[in-house]
């Protein structure tokens, strides 16, 4: 099984700033996305807070399919392609237009989620999954990906009800965590790994410290 990246070249937007929050379920991605967005707005930047899957009209339909327990069993490849379709529409309709006008785009999940959940979690060929996901997103990469690292047993314990993915086995979620950490270790210039058990403000401060140097390329209002 291939475990290396399928695409040697990466594409980073020349305008705007693209920040992604990744990590296991219950790690606090939405909270930290909101805190970063609030700080950036105070600093005078246009901020677009978004997420995957489901940030577009098409994406909402796809989200319902891939996450609802009522969907039942679908093949791992079908699931991967549905997530890729959501990403393609998300980048086309939300991410690229915002970056082109100089905004700071903050997304809760992006390509790494597919590589971690469908690639490692579903034990699919990582190279094949990456080729699909990178093609769907024009190989657009975040300038910074923040991985909020949390033991799955802690994160999943925060949910009373679980969707299709959250309801997978502990072994599944451990593979997801390992893949996140491996991707971050392979590209430290574009990743920041933070212990999600740290204080909310401590995490927010560490994120701001890494994002601040990137802001010179983002347009001011």
N, C-alpha and C. Protein backbone atom coordinates (compact mmCIF):
# COMPACT_ATOMS: atom_id res chain seq x y z
N UNK A 1 0.84 -1.19 0.00
CA UNK A 1 0.00 0.00 0.00
C UNK A 1 0.88 1.24 0.00
N UNK A 2 0.60 2.15 -0.90
CA UNK A 2 1.38 3.38 -0.98
C UNK A 2 1.07 4.27 0.21
N UNK A 3 2.10 4.86 0.82
CA UNK A 3 1.90 5.76 1.96
C UNK A 3 2.47 7.14 1.71
N UNK A 4 3.12 7.36 0.58
CA UNK A 4 3.74 8.65 0.29
C UNK A 4 2.81 9.55 -0.47
N UNK A 5 3.17 10.86 -0.56
CA UNK A 5 2.34 11.80 -1.29
C UNK A 5 2.33 11.48 -2.76
N UNK A 6 1.18 11.70 -3.39
CA UNK A 6 1.05 11.38 -4.80
C UNK A 6 1.44 12.55 -5.70
N UNK A 7 1.44 13.76 -5.12
CA UNK A 7 1.71 14.95 -5.90
C UNK A 7 2.90 15.68 -5.33
N UNK A 8 4.04 15.76 -6.04
CA UNK A 8 5.23 16.36 -5.48
C UNK A 8 5.15 17.87 -5.33
N UNK A 9 4.40 18.54 -6.22
CA UNK A 9 4.33 19.99 -6.19
C UNK A 9 3.09 20.42 -5.43
N UNK A 10 3.21 21.52 -4.68
CA UNK A 10 2.08 22.05 -3.93
C UNK A 10 1.78 23.46 -4.42
N UNK A 11 0.52 23.85 -4.31
CA UNK A 11 0.09 25.16 -4.76
C UNK A 11 -0.40 25.98 -3.58
N UNK A 12 0.19 27.16 -3.37
CA UNK A 12 -0.21 28.05 -2.29
C UNK A 12 -0.67 29.37 -2.90
N UNK A 13 -1.79 29.88 -2.42
CA UNK A 13 -2.35 31.11 -2.98
C UNK A 13 -1.37 32.27 -2.82
N UNK A 14 -1.27 33.09 -3.87
CA UNK A 14 -0.38 34.25 -3.85
C UNK A 14 -1.02 35.44 -3.15
N UNK A 15 -2.34 35.41 -2.98
CA UNK A 15 -3.04 36.47 -2.27
C UNK A 15 -3.89 35.85 -1.19
N UNK A 16 -4.18 36.63 -0.16
CA UNK A 16 -4.93 36.10 0.96
C UNK A 16 -4.11 35.14 1.79
N UNK A 17 -4.71 34.62 2.82
CA UNK A 17 -4.08 33.63 3.69
C UNK A 17 -5.08 32.50 3.93
N UNK A 18 -4.61 31.28 3.80
CA UNK A 18 -5.45 30.10 3.93
C UNK A 18 -4.99 29.31 5.15
N UNK A 19 -5.87 29.22 6.15
CA UNK A 19 -5.57 28.51 7.39
C UNK A 19 -6.59 27.40 7.58
N UNK A 20 -6.10 26.24 7.96
CA UNK A 20 -6.99 25.09 8.16
C UNK A 20 -6.81 24.53 9.57
N UNK A 21 -7.92 24.18 10.20
CA UNK A 21 -7.88 23.47 11.48
C UNK A 21 -8.25 22.02 11.23
N UNK A 22 -7.41 21.13 11.70
CA UNK A 22 -7.62 19.70 11.55
C UNK A 22 -7.48 19.02 12.91
N UNK A 23 -7.92 17.77 12.96
CA UNK A 23 -7.80 17.00 14.18
C UNK A 23 -8.99 16.08 14.34
N UNK A 24 -8.92 15.25 15.34
CA UNK A 24 -10.00 14.31 15.59
C UNK A 24 -11.27 14.99 16.04
N UNK A 25 -12.34 14.22 16.08
CA UNK A 25 -13.63 14.75 16.51
C UNK A 25 -13.57 15.15 17.98
N UNK A 26 -14.15 16.31 18.29
CA UNK A 26 -14.18 16.79 19.66
C UNK A 26 -12.92 17.49 20.12
N UNK A 27 -12.02 17.85 19.17
CA UNK A 27 -10.75 18.46 19.56
C UNK A 27 -10.81 19.98 19.67
N UNK A 28 -11.93 20.59 19.32
CA UNK A 28 -12.06 22.03 19.49
C UNK A 28 -11.78 22.86 18.26
N UNK A 29 -11.86 22.27 17.08
CA UNK A 29 -11.54 22.99 15.85
C UNK A 29 -12.46 24.20 15.62
N UNK A 30 -13.75 24.00 15.81
CA UNK A 30 -14.70 25.09 15.58
C UNK A 30 -14.46 26.25 16.54
N UNK A 31 -14.20 25.92 17.80
CA UNK A 31 -13.93 26.96 18.79
C UNK A 31 -12.71 27.78 18.41
N UNK A 32 -11.63 27.10 18.04
CA UNK A 32 -10.40 27.82 17.71
C UNK A 32 -10.52 28.57 16.39
N UNK A 33 -11.29 28.03 15.45
CA UNK A 33 -11.53 28.77 14.21
C UNK A 33 -12.20 30.10 14.51
N UNK A 34 -13.20 30.06 15.37
CA UNK A 34 -13.91 31.28 15.72
C UNK A 34 -13.05 32.28 16.46
N UNK A 35 -12.20 31.80 17.37
CA UNK A 35 -11.31 32.70 18.11
C UNK A 35 -10.31 33.37 17.18
N UNK A 36 -9.75 32.60 16.27
CA UNK A 36 -8.79 33.18 15.32
C UNK A 36 -9.49 34.19 14.42
N UNK A 37 -10.69 33.84 13.94
CA UNK A 37 -11.42 34.75 13.08
C UNK A 37 -11.75 36.06 13.77
N UNK A 38 -12.15 35.98 15.03
CA UNK A 38 -12.46 37.20 15.78
C UNK A 38 -11.26 38.10 15.94
N UNK A 39 -10.11 37.51 16.24
CA UNK A 39 -8.88 38.30 16.39
C UNK A 39 -8.49 38.97 15.07
N UNK A 40 -8.58 38.21 13.99
CA UNK A 40 -8.21 38.76 12.68
C UNK A 40 -9.12 39.90 12.27
N UNK A 41 -10.40 39.79 12.55
CA UNK A 41 -11.32 40.89 12.24
C UNK A 41 -10.97 42.14 13.04
N UNK A 42 -10.60 41.95 14.29
CA UNK A 42 -10.17 43.09 15.10
C UNK A 42 -8.93 43.74 14.53
N UNK A 43 -8.10 42.94 13.86
CA UNK A 43 -6.88 43.46 13.25
C UNK A 43 -7.14 44.09 11.89
N UNK A 44 -8.38 44.06 11.44
CA UNK A 44 -8.75 44.74 10.19
C UNK A 44 -8.76 43.88 8.95
N UNK A 45 -8.73 42.57 9.10
CA UNK A 45 -8.72 41.68 7.94
C UNK A 45 -10.12 41.19 7.62
N UNK A 46 -10.38 41.00 6.34
CA UNK A 46 -11.60 40.30 5.96
C UNK A 46 -11.39 38.82 6.26
N UNK A 47 -12.34 38.22 6.95
CA UNK A 47 -12.22 36.82 7.36
C UNK A 47 -13.39 36.03 6.80
N UNK A 48 -13.10 34.88 6.22
CA UNK A 48 -14.13 33.95 5.78
C UNK A 48 -13.99 32.68 6.60
N UNK A 49 -14.95 32.44 7.49
CA UNK A 49 -14.98 31.22 8.28
C UNK A 49 -15.80 30.18 7.54
N UNK A 50 -15.22 29.02 7.31
CA UNK A 50 -15.92 28.01 6.54
C UNK A 50 -15.58 26.63 7.09
N UNK A 51 -16.09 25.59 6.44
CA UNK A 51 -15.92 24.24 6.99
C UNK A 51 -16.20 23.22 5.91
N UNK A 52 -15.79 21.98 6.19
CA UNK A 52 -16.09 20.84 5.33
C UNK A 52 -16.51 19.66 6.20
N UNK A 53 -17.45 18.87 5.70
CA UNK A 53 -18.24 19.07 4.48
C UNK A 53 -19.47 19.93 4.76
N UNK A 54 -20.02 20.57 3.71
CA UNK A 54 -21.32 21.20 3.83
C UNK A 54 -21.39 22.70 3.79
N UNK A 55 -20.33 23.40 3.37
CA UNK A 55 -20.34 24.86 3.38
C UNK A 55 -21.05 25.46 2.17
N UNK A 56 -21.37 24.66 1.18
CA UNK A 56 -22.08 25.14 -0.01
C UNK A 56 -23.42 24.44 -0.11
N UNK A 57 -24.26 24.91 -1.02
CA UNK A 57 -25.57 24.27 -1.20
C UNK A 57 -25.40 22.81 -1.63
N UNK A 58 -24.49 22.58 -2.57
CA UNK A 58 -24.20 21.21 -2.98
C UNK A 58 -23.62 20.42 -1.81
N UNK A 59 -22.72 21.08 -1.08
CA UNK A 59 -22.07 20.42 0.04
C UNK A 59 -23.02 19.97 1.13
N UNK A 60 -24.09 20.76 1.36
CA UNK A 60 -25.07 20.37 2.38
C UNK A 60 -25.74 19.05 2.03
N UNK A 61 -26.01 18.87 0.75
CA UNK A 61 -26.61 17.60 0.32
C UNK A 61 -25.63 16.45 0.51
N UNK A 62 -24.37 16.70 0.16
CA UNK A 62 -23.35 15.66 0.29
C UNK A 62 -23.09 15.34 1.76
N UNK A 63 -23.09 16.37 2.61
CA UNK A 63 -22.88 16.16 4.04
C UNK A 63 -23.95 15.23 4.62
N UNK A 64 -25.18 15.47 4.22
CA UNK A 64 -26.27 14.64 4.72
C UNK A 64 -26.06 13.18 4.35
N UNK A 65 -25.54 12.95 3.16
CA UNK A 65 -25.32 11.58 2.71
C UNK A 65 -24.19 10.91 3.50
N UNK A 66 -23.05 11.60 3.60
CA UNK A 66 -21.87 10.95 4.17
C UNK A 66 -21.90 10.85 5.69
N UNK A 67 -22.65 11.73 6.37
CA UNK A 67 -22.62 11.72 7.83
C UNK A 67 -23.85 11.13 8.49
N UNK A 68 -24.99 11.14 7.82
CA UNK A 68 -26.20 10.64 8.47
C UNK A 68 -26.13 9.12 8.68
N UNK A 69 -26.39 8.66 9.90
CA UNK A 69 -26.46 7.21 10.13
C UNK A 69 -27.52 6.54 9.27
N UNK A 70 -28.53 7.32 8.86
CA UNK A 70 -29.60 6.76 8.04
C UNK A 70 -29.11 6.34 6.65
N UNK A 71 -27.96 6.87 6.23
CA UNK A 71 -27.41 6.47 4.93
C UNK A 71 -27.07 4.99 4.91
N UNK A 72 -26.66 4.47 6.05
CA UNK A 72 -26.29 3.06 6.10
C UNK A 72 -24.93 2.82 5.48
N UNK A 73 -24.70 1.62 5.03
CA UNK A 73 -23.40 1.24 4.48
C UNK A 73 -23.23 1.75 3.05
N UNK A 74 -22.15 2.44 2.81
CA UNK A 74 -21.73 2.77 1.44
C UNK A 74 -20.28 2.35 1.30
N UNK A 75 -19.84 2.14 0.08
CA UNK A 75 -18.48 1.68 -0.10
C UNK A 75 -17.49 2.78 0.30
N UNK A 76 -16.30 2.37 0.71
CA UNK A 76 -15.27 3.33 1.11
C UNK A 76 -14.89 4.25 -0.05
N UNK A 77 -14.87 3.71 -1.27
CA UNK A 77 -14.53 4.53 -2.43
C UNK A 77 -15.64 5.54 -2.72
N UNK A 78 -16.89 5.11 -2.57
CA UNK A 78 -18.00 6.05 -2.77
C UNK A 78 -17.90 7.19 -1.76
N UNK A 79 -17.64 6.85 -0.51
CA UNK A 79 -17.50 7.87 0.53
C UNK A 79 -16.39 8.86 0.19
N UNK A 80 -15.26 8.34 -0.27
CA UNK A 80 -14.13 9.19 -0.63
C UNK A 80 -14.50 10.14 -1.76
N UNK A 81 -15.18 9.65 -2.76
CA UNK A 81 -15.57 10.48 -3.90
C UNK A 81 -16.59 11.54 -3.50
N UNK A 82 -17.48 11.21 -2.59
CA UNK A 82 -18.45 12.20 -2.11
C UNK A 82 -17.74 13.34 -1.37
N UNK A 83 -16.77 13.00 -0.54
CA UNK A 83 -16.01 14.03 0.14
C UNK A 83 -15.21 14.87 -0.86
N UNK A 84 -14.66 14.23 -1.87
CA UNK A 84 -13.91 14.96 -2.89
C UNK A 84 -14.82 15.94 -3.64
N UNK A 85 -16.05 15.52 -3.93
CA UNK A 85 -17.00 16.41 -4.61
C UNK A 85 -17.30 17.62 -3.74
N UNK A 86 -17.49 17.41 -2.45
CA UNK A 86 -17.72 18.53 -1.54
C UNK A 86 -16.54 19.50 -1.57
N UNK A 87 -15.33 18.97 -1.56
CA UNK A 87 -14.15 19.83 -1.56
C UNK A 87 -14.03 20.61 -2.87
N UNK A 88 -14.33 19.96 -3.97
CA UNK A 88 -14.24 20.65 -5.26
C UNK A 88 -15.16 21.86 -5.30
N UNK A 89 -16.40 21.67 -4.85
CA UNK A 89 -17.37 22.78 -4.85
C UNK A 89 -16.98 23.84 -3.83
N UNK A 90 -16.47 23.42 -2.69
CA UNK A 90 -16.05 24.34 -1.63
C UNK A 90 -14.93 25.26 -2.11
N UNK A 91 -13.92 24.68 -2.73
CA UNK A 91 -12.81 25.49 -3.23
C UNK A 91 -13.27 26.42 -4.34
N UNK A 92 -14.09 25.91 -5.24
CA UNK A 92 -14.58 26.72 -6.37
C UNK A 92 -15.46 27.88 -5.92
N UNK A 93 -16.38 27.61 -5.00
CA UNK A 93 -17.40 28.60 -4.66
C UNK A 93 -17.03 29.49 -3.47
N UNK A 94 -16.18 29.00 -2.58
CA UNK A 94 -15.90 29.73 -1.35
C UNK A 94 -14.43 30.11 -1.20
N UNK A 95 -13.56 29.12 -1.24
CA UNK A 95 -12.18 29.35 -0.85
C UNK A 95 -11.41 30.21 -1.85
N UNK A 96 -11.39 29.80 -3.11
CA UNK A 96 -10.61 30.55 -4.11
C UNK A 96 -11.10 31.99 -4.28
N UNK A 97 -12.41 32.24 -4.41
CA UNK A 97 -12.85 33.64 -4.56
C UNK A 97 -12.41 34.52 -3.39
N UNK A 98 -12.47 33.99 -2.17
CA UNK A 98 -12.07 34.77 -1.01
C UNK A 98 -10.57 35.04 -1.01
N UNK A 99 -9.78 34.06 -1.33
CA UNK A 99 -8.33 34.25 -1.38
C UNK A 99 -7.95 35.25 -2.47
N UNK A 100 -8.62 35.19 -3.59
CA UNK A 100 -8.30 36.09 -4.70
C UNK A 100 -8.55 37.55 -4.36
N UNK A 101 -9.50 37.81 -3.46
CA UNK A 101 -9.73 39.20 -3.07
C UNK A 101 -8.94 39.59 -1.81
N UNK A 102 -8.07 38.68 -1.35
CA UNK A 102 -7.16 39.00 -0.26
C UNK A 102 -7.66 38.69 1.13
N UNK A 103 -8.71 37.90 1.25
CA UNK A 103 -9.26 37.57 2.57
C UNK A 103 -8.43 36.50 3.26
N UNK A 104 -8.64 36.38 4.55
CA UNK A 104 -8.10 35.25 5.32
C UNK A 104 -9.19 34.20 5.41
N UNK A 105 -8.94 33.04 4.84
CA UNK A 105 -9.90 31.94 4.85
C UNK A 105 -9.50 30.97 5.96
N UNK A 106 -10.44 30.69 6.84
CA UNK A 106 -10.21 29.74 7.93
C UNK A 106 -11.21 28.61 7.75
N UNK A 107 -10.71 27.43 7.50
CA UNK A 107 -11.61 26.29 7.29
C UNK A 107 -11.45 25.24 8.39
N UNK A 108 -12.56 24.74 8.83
CA UNK A 108 -12.61 23.62 9.76
C UNK A 108 -12.68 22.36 8.89
N UNK A 109 -11.54 21.74 8.68
CA UNK A 109 -11.31 20.55 7.86
C UNK A 109 -11.06 20.92 6.39
N UNK A 110 -10.21 20.07 5.78
CA UNK A 110 -9.87 20.24 4.37
C UNK A 110 -9.34 18.90 3.86
N UNK A 111 -8.38 18.93 2.96
CA UNK A 111 -7.89 17.70 2.32
C UNK A 111 -7.33 16.70 3.33
N UNK A 112 -6.64 17.19 4.34
CA UNK A 112 -6.03 16.28 5.31
C UNK A 112 -7.07 15.38 5.98
N UNK A 113 -8.29 15.89 6.14
CA UNK A 113 -9.33 15.05 6.73
C UNK A 113 -9.61 13.83 5.86
N UNK A 114 -9.64 14.03 4.54
CA UNK A 114 -9.85 12.90 3.65
C UNK A 114 -8.69 11.92 3.72
N UNK A 115 -7.47 12.44 3.77
CA UNK A 115 -6.31 11.56 3.85
C UNK A 115 -6.30 10.79 5.16
N UNK A 116 -6.73 11.43 6.24
CA UNK A 116 -6.73 10.78 7.54
C UNK A 116 -7.90 9.81 7.71
N UNK A 117 -9.10 10.28 7.39
CA UNK A 117 -10.29 9.47 7.65
C UNK A 117 -10.53 8.41 6.57
N UNK A 118 -10.50 8.83 5.31
CA UNK A 118 -10.74 7.84 4.25
C UNK A 118 -9.47 7.07 3.90
N UNK A 119 -8.32 7.77 3.88
CA UNK A 119 -7.08 7.08 3.57
C UNK A 119 -6.66 6.13 4.68
N UNK A 120 -6.34 6.70 5.85
CA UNK A 120 -5.85 5.87 6.96
C UNK A 120 -6.98 5.16 7.68
N UNK A 121 -8.06 5.89 7.99
CA UNK A 121 -9.16 5.28 8.73
C UNK A 121 -9.78 4.12 7.99
N UNK A 122 -10.08 4.33 6.71
CA UNK A 122 -10.68 3.27 5.88
C UNK A 122 -9.63 2.32 5.30
N UNK A 123 -8.36 2.62 5.54
CA UNK A 123 -7.27 1.78 5.06
C UNK A 123 -7.26 1.67 3.54
N UNK A 124 -7.57 2.79 2.87
CA UNK A 124 -7.45 2.85 1.42
C UNK A 124 -6.03 3.24 1.05
N UNK A 125 -5.69 3.10 -0.22
CA UNK A 125 -4.37 3.49 -0.70
C UNK A 125 -4.23 5.01 -0.58
N UNK A 126 -3.30 5.46 0.26
CA UNK A 126 -3.15 6.90 0.52
C UNK A 126 -2.82 7.67 -0.75
N UNK A 127 -1.99 7.08 -1.59
CA UNK A 127 -1.62 7.76 -2.84
C UNK A 127 -2.81 7.97 -3.74
N UNK A 128 -3.67 6.97 -3.86
CA UNK A 128 -4.86 7.11 -4.69
C UNK A 128 -5.82 8.15 -4.12
N UNK A 129 -6.03 8.10 -2.82
CA UNK A 129 -6.93 9.06 -2.18
C UNK A 129 -6.39 10.48 -2.35
N UNK A 130 -5.09 10.64 -2.21
CA UNK A 130 -4.51 11.98 -2.34
C UNK A 130 -4.64 12.51 -3.76
N UNK A 131 -4.44 11.65 -4.74
CA UNK A 131 -4.59 12.11 -6.13
C UNK A 131 -6.00 12.64 -6.38
N UNK A 132 -7.00 11.95 -5.86
CA UNK A 132 -8.39 12.39 -6.03
C UNK A 132 -8.62 13.73 -5.33
N UNK A 133 -8.18 13.82 -4.08
CA UNK A 133 -8.44 15.02 -3.28
C UNK A 133 -7.67 16.22 -3.83
N UNK A 134 -6.44 16.02 -4.25
CA UNK A 134 -5.66 17.14 -4.79
C UNK A 134 -6.22 17.61 -6.12
N UNK A 135 -6.65 16.68 -6.95
CA UNK A 135 -7.27 17.07 -8.22
C UNK A 135 -8.54 17.88 -7.97
N UNK A 136 -9.35 17.44 -7.03
CA UNK A 136 -10.61 18.12 -6.73
C UNK A 136 -10.39 19.55 -6.25
N UNK A 137 -9.27 19.81 -5.60
CA UNK A 137 -9.01 21.11 -4.99
C UNK A 137 -7.95 21.92 -5.74
N UNK A 138 -7.63 21.53 -6.97
CA UNK A 138 -6.58 22.21 -7.75
C UNK A 138 -5.23 22.17 -7.03
N UNK A 139 -5.05 21.20 -6.15
CA UNK A 139 -3.83 21.08 -5.33
C UNK A 139 -3.58 22.32 -4.48
N UNK A 140 -4.63 23.08 -4.19
CA UNK A 140 -4.50 24.25 -3.33
C UNK A 140 -4.27 23.80 -1.89
N UNK A 141 -3.21 24.32 -1.28
CA UNK A 141 -2.85 23.91 0.07
C UNK A 141 -2.96 25.08 1.04
N UNK A 142 -3.28 24.82 2.29
CA UNK A 142 -3.28 25.88 3.30
C UNK A 142 -1.86 26.40 3.55
N UNK A 143 -1.75 27.70 3.81
CA UNK A 143 -0.46 28.24 4.23
C UNK A 143 -0.08 27.68 5.59
N UNK A 144 -1.09 27.39 6.40
CA UNK A 144 -0.86 26.79 7.72
C UNK A 144 -2.00 25.84 8.06
N UNK A 145 -1.64 24.64 8.50
CA UNK A 145 -2.63 23.70 9.01
C UNK A 145 -2.35 23.48 10.49
N UNK A 146 -3.34 23.77 11.32
CA UNK A 146 -3.24 23.58 12.76
C UNK A 146 -3.88 22.24 13.10
N UNK A 147 -3.10 21.34 13.63
CA UNK A 147 -3.61 20.03 14.06
C UNK A 147 -3.81 20.07 15.57
N UNK A 148 -5.07 19.99 15.99
CA UNK A 148 -5.40 19.93 17.41
C UNK A 148 -5.40 18.46 17.80
N UNK A 149 -4.35 18.05 18.47
CA UNK A 149 -4.13 16.62 18.75
C UNK A 149 -4.81 16.21 20.04
N UNK A 150 -5.59 15.16 19.95
CA UNK A 150 -6.34 14.67 21.12
C UNK A 150 -6.52 13.17 21.01
N UNK A 151 -6.32 12.48 22.13
CA UNK A 151 -6.60 11.05 22.19
C UNK A 151 -8.07 10.82 21.81
N UNK A 152 -8.35 9.96 20.84
CA UNK A 152 -9.74 9.74 20.43
C UNK A 152 -10.69 9.38 21.56
N UNK A 153 -10.19 8.69 22.57
CA UNK A 153 -11.06 8.31 23.68
C UNK A 153 -11.59 9.54 24.41
N UNK A 154 -10.79 10.61 24.46
CA UNK A 154 -11.23 11.85 25.10
C UNK A 154 -12.18 12.61 24.19
N UNK A 155 -11.82 12.70 22.91
CA UNK A 155 -12.63 13.48 21.98
C UNK A 155 -14.00 12.89 21.74
N UNK A 156 -14.06 11.60 21.49
CA UNK A 156 -15.34 10.96 21.18
C UNK A 156 -16.24 10.89 22.40
N UNK A 157 -15.65 10.95 23.58
CA UNK A 157 -16.46 10.93 24.80
C UNK A 157 -17.29 12.17 25.00
N UNK A 158 -17.05 13.20 24.18
CA UNK A 158 -17.79 14.46 24.32
C UNK A 158 -19.12 14.43 23.59
N UNK A 159 -19.40 13.36 22.84
CA UNK A 159 -20.62 13.29 22.04
C UNK A 159 -21.62 12.32 22.65
N UNK A 160 -22.87 12.81 22.81
CA UNK A 160 -23.94 11.92 23.24
C UNK A 160 -24.44 11.08 22.07
N UNK A 161 -24.48 11.72 20.89
CA UNK A 161 -24.86 11.02 19.66
C UNK A 161 -23.74 11.18 18.65
N UNK A 162 -23.55 10.14 17.83
CA UNK A 162 -22.44 10.16 16.87
C UNK A 162 -22.96 9.96 15.47
N UNK A 163 -22.29 10.65 14.50
CA UNK A 163 -22.64 10.46 13.10
C UNK A 163 -21.93 9.22 12.58
N UNK A 164 -22.02 8.97 11.27
CA UNK A 164 -21.45 7.76 10.69
C UNK A 164 -19.96 7.63 10.97
N UNK A 165 -19.24 8.75 10.89
CA UNK A 165 -17.78 8.70 11.06
C UNK A 165 -17.42 8.64 12.53
N UNK A 166 -18.06 9.47 13.35
CA UNK A 166 -17.78 9.45 14.78
C UNK A 166 -18.07 8.08 15.39
N UNK A 167 -19.01 7.36 14.80
CA UNK A 167 -19.41 6.06 15.32
C UNK A 167 -18.48 4.92 14.95
N UNK A 168 -17.40 5.20 14.23
CA UNK A 168 -16.45 4.14 13.88
C UNK A 168 -15.67 3.69 15.11
N UNK A 169 -14.95 2.60 14.98
CA UNK A 169 -14.24 1.98 16.10
C UNK A 169 -13.10 2.87 16.60
N UNK A 170 -12.66 2.59 17.82
CA UNK A 170 -11.52 3.31 18.38
C UNK A 170 -10.28 3.10 17.52
N UNK A 171 -10.09 1.88 17.00
CA UNK A 171 -8.94 1.60 16.14
C UNK A 171 -8.95 2.50 14.90
N UNK A 172 -10.12 2.70 14.33
CA UNK A 172 -10.27 3.60 13.18
C UNK A 172 -9.76 4.99 13.55
N UNK A 173 -10.21 5.52 14.67
CA UNK A 173 -9.85 6.89 15.06
C UNK A 173 -8.39 7.00 15.48
N UNK A 174 -7.82 5.92 15.98
CA UNK A 174 -6.38 5.93 16.28
C UNK A 174 -5.57 6.02 14.99
N UNK A 175 -6.00 5.33 13.94
CA UNK A 175 -5.31 5.43 12.64
C UNK A 175 -5.41 6.86 12.10
N UNK A 176 -6.56 7.47 12.29
CA UNK A 176 -6.75 8.86 11.86
C UNK A 176 -5.75 9.77 12.57
N UNK A 177 -5.65 9.62 13.87
CA UNK A 177 -4.72 10.46 14.64
C UNK A 177 -3.28 10.26 14.19
N UNK A 178 -2.90 9.03 13.98
CA UNK A 178 -1.53 8.75 13.55
C UNK A 178 -1.22 9.39 12.20
N UNK A 179 -2.19 9.38 11.29
CA UNK A 179 -1.97 9.98 9.97
C UNK A 179 -1.82 11.49 10.09
N UNK A 180 -2.63 12.13 10.90
CA UNK A 180 -2.48 13.58 11.11
C UNK A 180 -1.07 13.91 11.61
N UNK A 181 -0.62 13.19 12.60
CA UNK A 181 0.70 13.47 13.18
C UNK A 181 1.81 13.20 12.17
N UNK A 182 1.65 12.17 11.35
CA UNK A 182 2.66 11.87 10.33
C UNK A 182 2.72 12.97 9.28
N UNK A 183 1.57 13.48 8.84
CA UNK A 183 1.56 14.56 7.85
C UNK A 183 2.20 15.82 8.42
N UNK A 184 1.92 16.11 9.66
CA UNK A 184 2.50 17.31 10.28
C UNK A 184 4.00 17.17 10.44
N UNK A 185 4.46 16.00 10.82
CA UNK A 185 5.89 15.78 11.01
C UNK A 185 6.65 15.90 9.69
N UNK A 186 6.00 15.57 8.59
CA UNK A 186 6.66 15.59 7.28
C UNK A 186 6.77 16.99 6.70
N UNK A 187 6.03 17.96 7.23
CA UNK A 187 6.04 19.31 6.66
C UNK A 187 5.86 20.35 7.77
N UNK A 188 6.84 20.47 8.67
CA UNK A 188 6.68 21.36 9.83
C UNK A 188 6.54 22.84 9.46
N UNK A 189 7.00 23.24 8.28
CA UNK A 189 6.87 24.64 7.87
C UNK A 189 5.42 25.05 7.67
N UNK A 190 4.56 24.08 7.34
CA UNK A 190 3.16 24.39 7.05
C UNK A 190 2.19 23.79 8.06
N UNK A 191 2.72 23.23 9.15
CA UNK A 191 1.86 22.63 10.17
C UNK A 191 2.23 23.13 11.55
N UNK A 192 1.22 23.16 12.40
CA UNK A 192 1.41 23.44 13.83
C UNK A 192 0.59 22.41 14.58
N UNK A 193 1.24 21.61 15.41
CA UNK A 193 0.55 20.61 16.22
C UNK A 193 0.45 21.14 17.65
N UNK A 194 -0.78 21.13 18.18
CA UNK A 194 -1.02 21.63 19.53
C UNK A 194 -1.81 20.58 20.31
N UNK A 195 -1.43 20.39 21.55
CA UNK A 195 -2.18 19.50 22.43
C UNK A 195 -3.56 20.13 22.68
N UNK A 196 -4.61 19.46 22.22
CA UNK A 196 -5.96 20.02 22.34
C UNK A 196 -6.44 20.08 23.78
N UNK A 197 -5.70 19.46 24.71
CA UNK A 197 -6.10 19.52 26.12
C UNK A 197 -5.61 20.80 26.79
N UNK A 198 -4.78 21.58 26.11
CA UNK A 198 -4.29 22.83 26.66
C UNK A 198 -5.45 23.82 26.82
N UNK A 199 -5.22 24.88 27.57
CA UNK A 199 -6.25 25.88 27.78
C UNK A 199 -6.66 26.55 26.48
N UNK A 200 -7.91 26.93 26.39
CA UNK A 200 -8.44 27.53 25.16
C UNK A 200 -7.64 28.75 24.73
N UNK A 201 -7.33 29.63 25.68
CA UNK A 201 -6.59 30.85 25.34
C UNK A 201 -5.14 30.55 25.01
N UNK A 202 -4.56 29.54 25.65
CA UNK A 202 -3.19 29.15 25.33
C UNK A 202 -3.09 28.66 23.90
N UNK A 203 -4.07 27.86 23.50
CA UNK A 203 -4.09 27.36 22.12
C UNK A 203 -4.26 28.53 21.15
N UNK A 204 -5.20 29.41 21.44
CA UNK A 204 -5.46 30.55 20.56
C UNK A 204 -4.22 31.41 20.40
N UNK A 205 -3.47 31.60 21.48
CA UNK A 205 -2.26 32.43 21.43
C UNK A 205 -1.20 31.76 20.56
N UNK A 206 -1.04 30.46 20.69
CA UNK A 206 -0.05 29.75 19.87
C UNK A 206 -0.41 29.83 18.39
N UNK A 207 -1.70 29.74 18.09
CA UNK A 207 -2.14 29.84 16.70
C UNK A 207 -1.87 31.24 16.15
N UNK A 208 -2.22 32.26 16.92
CA UNK A 208 -1.99 33.64 16.47
C UNK A 208 -0.51 33.88 16.19
N UNK A 209 0.36 33.34 17.03
CA UNK A 209 1.80 33.53 16.83
C UNK A 209 2.28 32.96 15.50
N UNK A 210 1.67 31.86 15.06
CA UNK A 210 2.06 31.28 13.77
C UNK A 210 1.39 31.97 12.59
N UNK A 211 0.17 32.47 12.80
CA UNK A 211 -0.55 33.11 11.70
C UNK A 211 -0.04 34.53 11.44
N UNK A 212 0.35 35.24 12.47
CA UNK A 212 0.73 36.65 12.34
C UNK A 212 1.76 36.91 11.23
N UNK A 213 2.83 36.11 11.11
CA UNK A 213 3.80 36.39 10.05
C UNK A 213 3.25 36.20 8.64
N UNK A 214 2.14 35.51 8.49
CA UNK A 214 1.56 35.25 7.16
C UNK A 214 0.71 36.41 6.66
N UNK A 215 0.37 37.34 7.53
CA UNK A 215 -0.65 38.33 7.22
C UNK A 215 -0.23 39.43 6.27
N UNK A 216 1.05 39.55 6.02
CA UNK A 216 1.52 40.63 5.13
C UNK A 216 0.96 40.48 3.73
N UNK A 217 0.59 39.27 3.32
CA UNK A 217 0.07 39.07 1.98
C UNK A 217 -1.45 39.18 1.91
N UNK A 218 -2.09 39.30 3.07
CA UNK A 218 -3.55 39.45 3.07
C UNK A 218 -3.91 40.92 2.92
N UNK A 219 -4.87 41.21 2.07
CA UNK A 219 -5.30 42.59 1.84
C UNK A 219 -6.04 43.13 3.04
N UNK A 220 -5.75 44.38 3.38
CA UNK A 220 -6.50 45.06 4.42
C UNK A 220 -7.76 45.66 3.84
N UNK A 221 -8.75 45.84 4.68
CA UNK A 221 -9.97 46.48 4.21
C UNK A 221 -9.70 47.94 3.88
